[in-house]
Structures are given as C-alpha cells and as structure tokens.
Amino acid sequence: MAGIRDLRVLKTTQSAFREFVADEFRTLPDTDDRVMSTIVTASWWYNTATGFCFDKAWLVKYAKTIKSFLKKIFIYHLIVKQ
C-alpha cells in the first residue's frame, strides 16, 4: 500500500464562498475572498510486478492528486468568477 499523508492544499486569493446552501452546518457568511485550505490523505494499492518502478508510480500519482485539486479550483473560478 502507498499513499499521501497530510498534503496541505492552500489557496490564498480569489477563493469565493458565496451562494452555498444555507443550513445548520454552514457557519461562514458569504464573501468574495477567503483562504481555502484543506489537508489531503489518500492511499492506494499496487499489484506486484517484476521490473515495476514504484517510486515513479508514486510520483505520478502524487502529481495527479495535486493536478486534480488545481484543475477543480481553476475550473470553479472560470465558471463562477466570470
């Protein structure tokens, strides 16, 4: 088993928080600029294989995890901020 533990994702500008569902769990008011921060933990399994480079596979998975967060943040801003 491999994974990522305690990867901090932080966005310090243009992190709008508005027009979300207002219910008993929401504690923050609407705003156009708020720091977005989260900590990511992910794990996955590898099949055993001869000649497989586990270090390279981990780096690829790590990069895809980060890219996934960046892509979601970027697409959100393209849609919401225009």
PDB file of N, CA and C in Angstrom:
ATOM      1  N   MET A   1       0.846  -1.173   0.000  1.00  0.00           N
ATOM      2  CA  MET A   1       0.000   0.000   0.000  1.00  0.00           C
ATOM      3  C   MET A   1       0.893   1.238   0.000  1.00  0.00           C
ATOM      4  N   ALA A   2       0.471   2.241  -0.712  1.00  0.00           N
ATOM      5  CA  ALA A   2       1.204   3.506  -0.783  1.00  0.00           C
ATOM      6  C   ALA A   2       0.211   4.640  -0.581  1.00  0.00           C
ATOM      7  N   GLY A   3       0.730   5.853  -0.456  1.00  0.00           N
ATOM      8  CA  GLY A   3      -0.202   6.956  -0.302  1.00  0.00           C
ATOM      9  C   GLY A   3       0.453   8.283  -0.017  1.00  0.00           C
ATOM     10  N   ILE A   4      -0.399   9.230   0.282  1.00  0.00           N
ATOM     11  CA  ILE A   4      -0.013  10.596   0.627  1.00  0.00           C
ATOM     12  C   ILE A   4      -0.679  10.893   1.963  1.00  0.00           C
ATOM     13  N   ARG A   5       0.073  11.472   2.870  1.00  0.00           N
ATOM     14  CA  ARG A   5      -0.497  11.811   4.165  1.00  0.00           C
ATOM     15  C   ARG A   5      -0.204  13.283   4.465  1.00  0.00           C
ATOM     16  N   ASP A   6      -1.230  13.991   4.880  1.00  0.00           N
ATOM     17  CA  ASP A   6      -1.099  15.375   5.348  1.00  0.00           C
ATOM     18  C   ASP A   6      -0.546  16.334   4.291  1.00  0.00           C
ATOM     19  N   LEU A   7      -1.010  16.197   3.059  1.00  0.00           N
ATOM     20  CA  LEU A   7      -0.649  17.135   1.999  1.00  0.00           C
ATOM     21  C   LEU A   7      -1.522  18.378   2.159  1.00  0.00           C
ATOM     22  N   ARG A   8      -0.923  19.502   2.471  1.00  0.00           N
ATOM     23  CA  ARG A   8      -1.676  20.741   2.682  1.00  0.00           C
ATOM     24  C   ARG A   8      -1.891  21.434   1.345  1.00  0.00           C
ATOM     25  N   VAL A   9      -3.148  21.707   1.024  1.00  0.00           N
ATOM     26  CA  VAL A   9      -3.527  22.453  -0.170  1.00  0.00           C
ATOM     27  C   VAL A   9      -4.041  23.803   0.314  1.00  0.00           C
ATOM     28  N   LEU A  10      -3.450  24.880  -0.190  1.00  0.00           N
ATOM     29  CA  LEU A  10      -3.781  26.218   0.280  1.00  0.00           C
ATOM     30  C   LEU A  10      -3.933  27.160  -0.902  1.00  0.00           C
ATOM     31  N   LYS A  11      -5.037  27.897  -0.935  1.00  0.00           N
ATOM     32  CA  LYS A  11      -5.272  28.923  -1.951  1.00  0.00           C
ATOM     33  C   LYS A  11      -5.587  30.201  -1.198  1.00  0.00           C
ATOM     34  N   THR A  12      -4.769  31.228  -1.401  1.00  0.00           N
ATOM     35  CA  THR A  12      -4.870  32.425  -0.563  1.00  0.00           C
ATOM     36  C   THR A  12      -5.609  33.588  -1.203  1.00  0.00           C
ATOM     37  N   THR A  13      -5.907  33.517  -2.489  1.00  0.00           N
ATOM     38  CA  THR A  13      -6.621  34.619  -3.143  1.00  0.00           C
ATOM     39  C   THR A  13      -7.751  34.089  -4.001  1.00  0.00           C
ATOM     40  N   GLN A  14      -8.750  34.928  -4.222  1.00  0.00           N
ATOM     41  CA  GLN A  14      -9.888  34.618  -5.092  1.00  0.00           C
ATOM     42  C   GLN A  14     -10.552  33.286  -4.733  1.00  0.00           C
ATOM     43  N   SER A  15     -10.747  33.062  -3.480  1.00  0.00           N
ATOM     44  CA  SER A  15     -11.426  31.861  -3.010  1.00  0.00           C
ATOM     45  C   SER A  15     -12.815  32.242  -2.503  1.00  0.00           C
ATOM     46  N   ALA A  16     -13.700  32.496  -3.412  1.00  0.00           N
ATOM     47  CA  ALA A  16     -15.042  32.951  -3.054  1.00  0.00           C
ATOM     48  C   ALA A  16     -15.786  31.879  -2.268  1.00  0.00           C
ATOM     49  N   PHE A  17     -16.641  32.330  -1.386  1.00  0.00           N
ATOM     50  CA  PHE A  17     -17.533  31.448  -0.646  1.00  0.00           C
ATOM     51  C   PHE A  17     -18.868  32.169  -0.595  1.00  0.00           C
ATOM     52  N   ARG A  18     -19.697  31.887  -1.569  1.00  0.00           N
ATOM     53  CA  ARG A  18     -20.987  32.566  -1.619  1.00  0.00           C
ATOM     54  C   ARG A  18     -21.992  31.696  -2.349  1.00  0.00           C
ATOM     55  N   GLU A  19     -23.245  31.934  -2.030  1.00  0.00           N
ATOM     56  CA  GLU A  19     -24.369  31.233  -2.648  1.00  0.00           C
ATOM     57  C   GLU A  19     -24.325  29.717  -2.431  1.00  0.00           C
ATOM     58  N   PHE A  20     -23.758  29.295  -1.292  1.00  0.00           N
ATOM     59  CA  PHE A  20     -23.813  27.894  -0.927  1.00  0.00           C
ATOM     60  C   PHE A  20     -25.105  27.650  -0.143  1.00  0.00           C
ATOM     61  N   VAL A  21     -25.451  26.411   0.034  1.00  0.00           N
ATOM     62  CA  VAL A  21     -26.655  26.051   0.772  1.00  0.00           C
ATOM     63  C   VAL A  21     -26.562  26.614   2.190  1.00  0.00           C
ATOM     64  N   ALA A  22     -27.625  27.263   2.616  1.00  0.00           N
ATOM     65  CA  ALA A  22     -27.682  27.790   3.983  1.00  0.00           C
ATOM     66  C   ALA A  22     -28.455  26.795   4.842  1.00  0.00           C
ATOM     67  N   ASP A  23     -27.722  26.086   5.708  1.00  0.00           N
ATOM     68  CA  ASP A  23     -28.370  25.141   6.619  1.00  0.00           C
ATOM     69  C   ASP A  23     -27.696  25.220   7.983  1.00  0.00           C
ATOM     70  N   GLU A  24     -28.030  24.308   8.886  1.00  0.00           N
ATOM     71  CA  GLU A  24     -27.495  24.373  10.242  1.00  0.00           C
ATOM     72  C   GLU A  24     -25.996  24.081  10.313  1.00  0.00           C
ATOM     73  N   PHE A  25     -25.417  23.515   9.244  1.00  0.00           N
ATOM     74  CA  PHE A  25     -23.995  23.189   9.241  1.00  0.00           C
ATOM     75  C   PHE A  25     -23.129  24.329   8.704  1.00  0.00           C
ATOM     76  N   ARG A  26     -23.730  25.254   8.035  1.00  0.00           N
ATOM     77  CA  ARG A  26     -22.974  26.370   7.471  1.00  0.00           C
ATOM     78  C   ARG A  26     -22.791  27.452   8.536  1.00  0.00           C
ATOM     79  N   THR A  27     -21.532  27.809   8.774  1.00  0.00           N
ATOM     80  CA  THR A  27     -21.246  28.807   9.803  1.00  0.00           C
ATOM     81  C   THR A  27     -20.626  30.076   9.242  1.00  0.00           C
ATOM     82  N   LEU A  28     -20.162  30.038   7.987  1.00  0.00           N
ATOM     83  CA  LEU A  28     -19.472  31.188   7.412  1.00  0.00           C
ATOM     84  C   LEU A  28     -20.416  32.022   6.546  1.00  0.00           C
ATOM     85  N   PRO A  29     -20.318  33.338   6.625  1.00  0.00           N
ATOM     86  CA  PRO A  29     -21.138  34.196   5.760  1.00  0.00           C
ATOM     87  C   PRO A  29     -20.565  34.253   4.331  1.00  0.00           C
ATOM     88  N   ASP A  30     -21.371  34.711   3.384  1.00  0.00           N
ATOM     89  CA  ASP A  30     -20.896  34.895   2.011  1.00  0.00           C
ATOM     90  C   ASP A  30     -19.754  35.908   1.977  1.00  0.00           C
ATOM     91  N   THR A  31     -18.792  35.652   1.124  1.00  0.00           N
ATOM     92  CA  THR A  31     -17.699  36.596   0.892  1.00  0.00           C
ATOM     93  C   THR A  31     -17.091  36.307  -0.474  1.00  0.00           C
ATOM     94  N   ASP A  32     -16.453  37.309  -1.054  1.00  0.00           N
ATOM     95  CA  ASP A  32     -15.827  37.137  -2.360  1.00  0.00           C
ATOM     96  C   ASP A  32     -14.374  36.686  -2.261  1.00  0.00           C
ATOM     97  N   ASP A  33     -13.793  36.716  -1.080  1.00  0.00           N
ATOM     98  CA  ASP A  33     -12.385  36.348  -0.941  1.00  0.00           C
ATOM     99  C   ASP A  33     -12.144  35.720   0.422  1.00  0.00           C
ATOM    100  N   ARG A  34     -11.741  34.465   0.417  1.00  0.00           N
ATOM    101  CA  ARG A  34     -11.476  33.747   1.665  1.00  0.00           C
ATOM    102  C   ARG A  34     -10.401  32.707   1.389  1.00  0.00           C
ATOM    103  N   VAL A  35      -9.531  32.482   2.352  1.00  0.00           N
ATOM    104  CA  VAL A  35      -8.495  31.470   2.210  1.00  0.00           C
ATOM    105  C   VAL A  35      -9.144  30.091   2.167  1.00  0.00           C
ATOM    106  N   MET A  36      -8.738  29.278   1.193  1.00  0.00           N
ATOM    107  CA  MET A  36      -9.199  27.902   1.101  1.00  0.00           C
ATOM    108  C   MET A  36      -8.036  27.018   1.513  1.00  0.00           C
ATOM    109  N   SER A  37      -8.249  26.183   2.493  1.00  0.00           N
ATOM    110  CA  SER A  37      -7.198  25.298   2.969  1.00  0.00           C
ATOM    111  C   SER A  37      -7.801  23.950   3.324  1.00  0.00           C
ATOM    112  N   THR A  38      -7.093  22.898   2.955  1.00  0.00           N
ATOM    113  CA  THR A  38      -7.511  21.556   3.327  1.00  0.00           C
ATOM    114  C   THR A  38      -6.273  20.680   3.443  1.00  0.00           C
ATOM    115  N   ILE A  39      -6.415  19.556   4.079  1.00  0.00           N
ATOM    116  CA  ILE A  39      -5.331  18.588   4.183  1.00  0.00           C
ATOM    117  C   ILE A  39      -5.816  17.287   3.543  1.00  0.00           C
ATOM    118  N   VAL A  40      -5.010  16.766   2.635  1.00  0.00           N
ATOM    119  CA  VAL A  40      -5.384  15.586   1.854  1.00  0.00           C
ATOM    120  C   VAL A  40      -4.628  14.360   2.358  1.00  0.00           C
ATOM    121  N   THR A  41      -5.369  13.287   2.540  1.00  0.00           N
ATOM    122  CA  THR A  41      -4.785  11.976   2.798  1.00  0.00           C
ATOM    123  C   THR A  41      -5.402  11.012   1.793  1.00  0.00           C
ATOM    124  N   ALA A  42      -4.556  10.294   1.094  1.00  0.00           N
ATOM    125  CA  ALA A  42      -5.032   9.351   0.073  1.00  0.00           C
ATOM    126  C   ALA A  42      -4.174   8.097   0.138  1.00  0.00           C
ATOM    127  N   SER A  43      -4.769   6.965  -0.187  1.00  0.00           N
ATOM    128  CA  SER A  43      -4.000   5.722  -0.225  1.00  0.00           C
ATOM    129  C   SER A  43      -4.457   4.862  -1.389  1.00  0.00           C
ATOM    130  N   TRP A  44      -3.558   4.023  -1.845  1.00  0.00           N
ATOM    131  CA  TRP A  44      -3.868   3.132  -2.948  1.00  0.00           C
ATOM    132  C   TRP A  44      -2.981   1.897  -2.847  1.00  0.00           C
ATOM    133  N   TRP A  45      -3.382   0.857  -3.564  1.00  0.00           N
ATOM    134  CA  TRP A  45      -2.655  -0.414  -3.597  1.00  0.00           C
ATOM    135  C   TRP A  45      -2.016  -0.591  -4.961  1.00  0.00           C
ATOM    136  N   TYR A  46      -0.866  -1.227  -4.969  1.00  0.00           N
ATOM    137  CA  TYR A  46      -0.218  -1.648  -6.208  1.00  0.00           C
ATOM    138  C   TYR A  46      -0.307  -3.161  -6.312  1.00  0.00           C
ATOM    139  N   ASN A  47      -0.456  -3.650  -7.533  1.00  0.00           N
ATOM    140  CA  ASN A  47      -0.259  -5.075  -7.768  1.00  0.00           C
ATOM    141  C   ASN A  47       1.247  -5.311  -7.828  1.00  0.00           C
ATOM    142  N   THR A  48       1.678  -6.484  -7.470  1.00  0.00           N
ATOM    143  CA  THR A  48       3.108  -6.766  -7.571  1.00  0.00           C
ATOM    144  C   THR A  48       3.449  -7.064  -9.020  1.00  0.00           C
ATOM    145  N   ALA A  49       4.578  -6.571  -9.448  1.00  0.00           N
ATOM    146  CA  ALA A  49       5.021  -6.780 -10.826  1.00  0.00           C
ATOM    147  C   ALA A  49       6.538  -6.748 -10.875  1.00  0.00           C
ATOM    148  N   THR A  50       7.101  -7.564 -11.693  1.00  0.00           N
ATOM    149  CA  THR A  50       8.545  -7.582 -11.857  1.00  0.00           C
ATOM    150  C   THR A  50       8.969  -6.405 -12.718  1.00  0.00           C
ATOM    151  N   GLY A  51       9.998  -5.691 -12.272  1.00  0.00           N
ATOM    152  CA  GLY A  51      10.523  -4.585 -13.054  1.00  0.00           C
ATOM    153  C   GLY A  51       9.710  -3.302 -12.966  1.00  0.00           C
ATOM    154  N   PHE A  52       8.736  -3.259 -12.086  1.00  0.00           N
ATOM    155  CA  PHE A  52       7.880  -2.082 -11.934  1.00  0.00           C
ATOM    156  C   PHE A  52       8.582  -1.068 -11.041  1.00  0.00           C
ATOM    157  N   CYS A  53       8.589   0.208 -11.443  1.00  0.00           N
ATOM    158  CA  CYS A  53       9.236   1.262 -10.661  1.00  0.00           C
ATOM    159  C   CYS A  53       8.201   1.924  -9.748  1.00  0.00           C
ATOM    160  N   PHE A  54       8.172   1.494  -8.492  1.00  0.00           N
ATOM    161  CA  PHE A  54       7.191   2.004  -7.546  1.00  0.00           C
ATOM    162  C   PHE A  54       7.426   3.478  -7.224  1.00  0.00           C
ATOM    163  N   ASP A  55       8.676   3.908  -7.196  1.00  0.00           N
ATOM    164  CA  ASP A  55       8.976   5.324  -6.932  1.00  0.00           C
ATOM    165  C   ASP A  55       8.383   6.222  -8.015  1.00  0.00           C
ATOM    166  N   LYS A  56       8.553   5.827  -9.273  1.00  0.00           N
ATOM    167  CA  LYS A  56       8.000   6.613 -10.374  1.00  0.00           C
ATOM    168  C   LYS A  56       6.474   6.601 -10.327  1.00  0.00           C
ATOM    169  N   ALA A  57       5.895   5.446 -10.032  1.00  0.00           N
ATOM    170  CA  ALA A  57       4.433   5.352  -9.946  1.00  0.00           C
ATOM    171  C   ALA A  57       3.892   6.257  -8.842  1.00  0.00           C
ATOM    172  N   TRP A  58       4.579   6.315  -7.703  1.00  0.00           N
ATOM    173  CA  TRP A  58       4.153   7.183  -6.611  1.00  0.00           C
ATOM    174  C   TRP A  58       4.221   8.645  -7.034  1.00  0.00           C
ATOM    175  N   LEU A  59       5.298   9.050  -7.710  1.00  0.00           N
ATOM    176  CA  LEU A  59       5.427  10.434  -8.166  1.00  0.00           C
ATOM    177  C   LEU A  59       4.316  10.809  -9.138  1.00  0.00           C
ATOM    178  N   VAL A  60       3.964   9.903 -10.033  1.00  0.00           N
ATOM    179  CA  VAL A  60       2.876  10.157 -10.987  1.00  0.00           C
ATOM    180  C   VAL A  60       1.556  10.330 -10.236  1.00  0.00           C
ATOM    181  N   LYS A  61       1.281   9.462  -9.288  1.00  0.00           N
ATOM    182  CA  LYS A  61       0.035   9.542  -8.514  1.00  0.00           C
ATOM    183  C   LYS A  61      -0.011  10.823  -7.684  1.00  0.00           C
ATOM    184  N   TYR A  62       1.098  11.200  -7.092  1.00  0.00           N
ATOM    185  CA  TYR A  62       1.198  12.434  -6.307  1.00  0.00           C
ATOM    186  C   TYR A  62       0.904  13.643  -7.201  1.00  0.00           C
ATOM    187  N   ALA A  63       1.530  13.687  -8.369  1.00  0.00           N
ATOM    188  CA  ALA A  63       1.324  14.800  -9.305  1.00  0.00           C
ATOM    189  C   ALA A  63      -0.129  14.864  -9.771  1.00  0.00           C
ATOM    190  N   LYS A  64      -0.742  13.720 -10.027  1.00  0.00           N
ATOM    191  CA  LYS A  64      -2.146  13.704 -10.467  1.00  0.00           C
ATOM    192  C   LYS A  64      -3.076  14.174  -9.345  1.00  0.00           C
ATOM    193  N   THR A  65      -2.752  13.853  -8.111  1.00  0.00           N
ATOM    194  CA  THR A  65      -3.563  14.319  -6.982  1.00  0.00           C
ATOM    195  C   THR A  65      -3.525  15.835  -6.891  1.00  0.00           C
ATOM    196  N   ILE A  66      -2.348  16.403  -6.960  1.00  0.00           N
ATOM    197  CA  ILE A  66      -2.213  17.863  -6.912  1.00  0.00           C
ATOM    198  C   ILE A  66      -2.896  18.501  -8.112  1.00  0.00           C
ATOM    199  N   LYS A  67      -2.684  17.950  -9.293  1.00  0.00           N
ATOM    200  CA  LYS A  67      -3.301  18.485 -10.513  1.00  0.00           C
ATOM    201  C   LYS A  67      -4.820  18.460 -10.410  1.00  0.00           C
ATOM    202  N   SER A  68      -5.368  17.415  -9.808  1.00  0.00           N
ATOM    203  CA  SER A  68      -6.818  17.315  -9.648  1.00  0.00           C
ATOM    204  C   SER A  68      -7.358  18.475  -8.829  1.00  0.00           C
ATOM    205  N   PHE A  69      -6.689  18.820  -7.734  1.00  0.00           N
ATOM    206  CA  PHE A  69      -7.127  19.955  -6.927  1.00  0.00           C
ATOM    207  C   PHE A  69      -6.987  21.260  -7.686  1.00  0.00           C
ATOM    208  N   LEU A  70      -5.867  21.455  -8.350  1.00  0.00           N
ATOM    209  CA  LEU A  70      -5.652  22.692  -9.095  1.00  0.00           C
ATOM    210  C   LEU A  70      -6.672  22.842 -10.212  1.00  0.00           C
ATOM    211  N   LYS A  71      -6.959  21.761 -10.907  1.00  0.00           N
ATOM    212  CA  LYS A  71      -7.923  21.801 -12.010  1.00  0.00           C
ATOM    213  C   LYS A  71      -9.308  22.162 -11.488  1.00  0.00           C
ATOM    214  N   LYS A  72      -9.730  21.569 -10.390  1.00  0.00           N
ATOM    215  CA  LYS A  72     -11.050  21.871  -9.836  1.00  0.00           C
ATOM    216  C   LYS A  72     -11.146  23.313  -9.388  1.00  0.00           C
ATOM    217  N   ILE A  73     -10.095  23.825  -8.764  1.00  0.00           N
ATOM    218  CA  ILE A  73     -10.098  25.224  -8.330  1.00  0.00           C
ATOM    219  C   ILE A  73     -10.138  26.144  -9.546  1.00  0.00           C
ATOM    220  N   PHE A  74      -9.335  25.836 -10.571  1.00  0.00           N
ATOM    221  CA  PHE A  74      -9.269  26.668 -11.767  1.00  0.00           C
ATOM    222  C   PHE A  74     -10.610  26.665 -12.511  1.00  0.00           C
ATOM    223  N   ILE A  75     -11.208  25.502 -12.697  1.00  0.00           N
ATOM    224  CA  ILE A  75     -12.496  25.414 -13.403  1.00  0.00           C
ATOM    225  C   ILE A  75     -13.566  26.147 -12.616  1.00  0.00           C
ATOM    226  N   TYR A  76     -13.574  26.016 -11.287  1.00  0.00           N
ATOM    227  CA  TYR A  76     -14.555  26.732 -10.456  1.00  0.00           C
ATOM    228  C   TYR A  76     -14.448  28.241 -10.705  1.00  0.00           C
ATOM    229  N   HIS A  77     -13.238  28.745 -10.756  1.00  0.00           N
ATOM    230  CA  HIS A  77     -13.057  30.187 -10.949  1.00  0.00           C
ATOM    231  C   HIS A  77     -13.429  30.625 -12.362  1.00  0.00           C
ATOM    232  N   LEU A  78     -13.217  29.744 -13.346  1.00  0.00           N
ATOM    233  CA  LEU A  78     -13.647  30.079 -14.705  1.00  0.00           C
ATOM    234  C   LEU A  78     -15.161  30.209 -14.774  1.00  0.00           C
ATOM    235  N   ILE A  79     -15.857  29.311 -14.096  1.00  0.00           N
ATOM    236  CA  ILE A  79     -17.317  29.292 -14.151  1.00  0.00           C
ATOM    237  C   ILE A  79     -17.928  30.381 -13.263  1.00  0.00           C
ATOM    238  N   VAL A  80     -17.483  30.474 -12.017  1.00  0.00           N
ATOM    239  CA  VAL A  80     -18.114  31.342 -11.038  1.00  0.00           C
ATOM    240  C   VAL A  80     -17.634  32.787 -11.151  1.00  0.00           C
ATOM    241  N   LYS A  81     -16.380  32.999 -11.417  1.00  0.00           N
ATOM    242  CA  LYS A  81     -15.821  34.348 -11.350  1.00  0.00           C
ATOM    243  C   LYS A  81     -16.036  35.185 -12.609  1.00  0.00           C
ATOM    244  N   GLN A  82     -16.514  34.597 -13.678  1.00  0.00           N
ATOM    245  CA  GLN A  82     -16.700  35.374 -14.918  1.00  0.00           C
ATOM    246  C   GLN A  82     -17.920  36.226 -14.845  1.00  0.00           C
TER     247      GLN A  82
END
